[in-house]
């Protein structure tokens, strides 16, 4: 069955969370990834990728 995203926002969020988990990032500022805003996720994802 093909994955059909609920929205581009949700799909982008899931993609970023998956990327962070692959880099062993499970929390941001003490909160689970699913509890953070898309902005915080994107900022952490960008910072993590630039550091590597």
N, C-alpha and C. Protein backbone atom coordinates (compact mmCIF):
# COMPACT_ATOMS: atom_id res chain seq x y z
N UNK A 1 0.84 -1.18 0.00
CA UNK A 1 0.00 0.00 0.00
C UNK A 1 0.89 1.25 0.00
N UNK A 2 0.61 2.15 -0.87
CA UNK A 2 1.40 3.38 -1.00
C UNK A 2 1.06 4.36 0.11
N UNK A 3 2.11 5.00 0.64
CA UNK A 3 1.92 5.99 1.70
C UNK A 3 1.38 7.28 1.09
N UNK A 4 0.25 7.74 1.59
CA UNK A 4 -0.34 9.00 1.14
C UNK A 4 -0.31 9.96 2.32
N UNK A 5 0.53 11.00 2.25
CA UNK A 5 0.65 11.92 3.38
C UNK A 5 -0.64 12.70 3.61
N UNK A 6 -0.90 13.00 4.89
CA UNK A 6 -2.07 13.79 5.24
C UNK A 6 -1.94 15.20 4.67
N UNK A 7 -0.74 15.73 4.72
CA UNK A 7 -0.47 17.04 4.17
C UNK A 7 1.04 17.16 3.96
N UNK A 8 1.45 18.15 3.21
CA UNK A 8 2.89 18.36 3.01
C UNK A 8 3.57 18.69 4.33
N UNK A 9 2.87 19.41 5.19
CA UNK A 9 3.39 19.78 6.51
C UNK A 9 3.69 18.52 7.32
N UNK A 10 2.73 17.62 7.39
CA UNK A 10 2.90 16.38 8.16
C UNK A 10 3.99 15.52 7.55
N UNK A 11 4.04 15.42 6.24
CA UNK A 11 5.04 14.61 5.57
C UNK A 11 6.45 15.16 5.82
N UNK A 12 6.61 16.47 5.74
CA UNK A 12 7.90 17.11 5.99
C UNK A 12 8.34 16.89 7.43
N UNK A 13 7.41 17.03 8.35
CA UNK A 13 7.69 16.82 9.77
C UNK A 13 8.17 15.39 10.01
N UNK A 14 7.48 14.42 9.43
CA UNK A 14 7.86 13.01 9.58
C UNK A 14 9.25 12.75 9.01
N UNK A 15 9.54 13.35 7.87
CA UNK A 15 10.85 13.18 7.23
C UNK A 15 11.96 13.73 8.11
N UNK A 16 11.75 14.91 8.69
CA UNK A 16 12.75 15.52 9.57
C UNK A 16 12.94 14.68 10.83
N UNK A 17 11.84 14.22 11.44
CA UNK A 17 11.94 13.40 12.64
C UNK A 17 12.71 12.12 12.33
N UNK A 18 12.42 11.49 11.21
CA UNK A 18 13.12 10.27 10.83
C UNK A 18 14.62 10.54 10.65
N UNK A 19 14.97 11.67 10.04
CA UNK A 19 16.37 12.02 9.87
C UNK A 19 17.08 12.25 11.19
N UNK A 20 16.41 12.90 12.13
CA UNK A 20 17.00 13.14 13.44
C UNK A 20 17.20 11.83 14.20
N UNK A 21 16.23 10.94 14.14
CA UNK A 21 16.34 9.65 14.83
C UNK A 21 17.52 8.86 14.25
N UNK A 22 17.71 8.93 12.94
CA UNK A 22 18.85 8.25 12.32
C UNK A 22 20.18 8.80 12.83
N UNK A 23 20.17 10.05 13.29
CA UNK A 23 21.38 10.69 13.83
C UNK A 23 21.42 10.59 15.35
N UNK A 24 20.58 9.71 15.91
CA UNK A 24 20.51 9.48 17.36
C UNK A 24 20.07 10.70 18.15
N UNK A 25 19.21 11.53 17.57
CA UNK A 25 18.61 12.66 18.27
C UNK A 25 17.17 12.26 18.58
N UNK A 26 16.85 12.15 19.87
CA UNK A 26 15.52 11.70 20.26
C UNK A 26 14.74 12.75 21.04
N UNK A 27 15.44 13.76 21.56
CA UNK A 27 14.79 14.83 22.30
C UNK A 27 15.42 16.16 21.94
N UNK A 28 14.61 17.22 22.00
CA UNK A 28 15.09 18.58 21.80
C UNK A 28 14.62 19.38 23.00
N UNK A 29 15.55 19.98 23.70
CA UNK A 29 15.24 20.76 24.91
C UNK A 29 14.40 19.96 25.90
N UNK A 30 14.71 18.68 26.04
CA UNK A 30 14.02 17.84 27.01
C UNK A 30 12.65 17.36 26.59
N UNK A 31 12.25 17.65 25.35
CA UNK A 31 10.93 17.23 24.88
C UNK A 31 11.09 16.22 23.75
N UNK A 32 10.16 15.29 23.67
CA UNK A 32 10.16 14.32 22.58
C UNK A 32 10.03 15.04 21.24
N UNK A 33 10.55 14.45 20.18
CA UNK A 33 10.51 15.08 18.87
C UNK A 33 9.09 15.41 18.43
N UNK A 34 8.15 14.52 18.71
CA UNK A 34 6.76 14.76 18.30
C UNK A 34 6.11 15.90 19.07
N UNK A 35 6.72 16.35 20.16
CA UNK A 35 6.16 17.44 20.96
C UNK A 35 6.73 18.79 20.56
N UNK A 36 7.68 18.81 19.64
CA UNK A 36 8.33 20.07 19.25
C UNK A 36 7.72 20.64 18.00
N UNK A 37 7.92 21.93 17.80
CA UNK A 37 7.39 22.59 16.61
C UNK A 37 8.23 22.25 15.39
N UNK A 38 7.66 22.43 14.22
CA UNK A 38 8.39 22.17 12.98
C UNK A 38 9.62 23.05 12.91
N UNK A 39 9.52 24.29 13.37
CA UNK A 39 10.66 25.21 13.37
C UNK A 39 11.83 24.64 14.18
N UNK A 40 11.53 24.16 15.40
CA UNK A 40 12.60 23.60 16.25
C UNK A 40 13.21 22.35 15.59
N UNK A 41 12.35 21.53 15.00
CA UNK A 41 12.85 20.33 14.33
C UNK A 41 13.78 20.70 13.18
N UNK A 42 13.36 21.65 12.36
CA UNK A 42 14.17 22.06 11.20
C UNK A 42 15.50 22.67 11.66
N UNK A 43 15.45 23.50 12.69
CA UNK A 43 16.66 24.15 13.19
C UNK A 43 17.65 23.09 13.71
N UNK A 44 17.17 22.15 14.49
CA UNK A 44 18.04 21.10 15.03
C UNK A 44 18.58 20.23 13.91
N UNK A 45 17.74 19.88 12.96
CA UNK A 45 18.14 19.04 11.83
C UNK A 45 19.24 19.74 11.02
N UNK A 46 19.06 21.03 10.77
CA UNK A 46 20.06 21.80 10.01
C UNK A 46 21.36 21.91 10.78
N UNK A 47 21.27 22.23 12.07
CA UNK A 47 22.47 22.35 12.91
C UNK A 47 23.22 21.03 12.99
N UNK A 48 22.52 19.92 13.11
CA UNK A 48 23.13 18.59 13.22
C UNK A 48 23.83 18.23 11.91
N UNK A 49 23.20 18.53 10.79
CA UNK A 49 23.81 18.19 9.49
C UNK A 49 25.02 19.06 9.18
N UNK A 50 25.01 20.31 9.62
CA UNK A 50 26.16 21.19 9.37
C UNK A 50 27.34 20.82 10.26
N UNK A 51 27.07 20.27 11.44
CA UNK A 51 28.14 19.90 12.35
C UNK A 51 28.90 18.68 11.86
N UNK A 52 28.22 17.83 11.09
CA UNK A 52 28.83 16.59 10.62
C UNK A 52 29.60 16.80 9.41
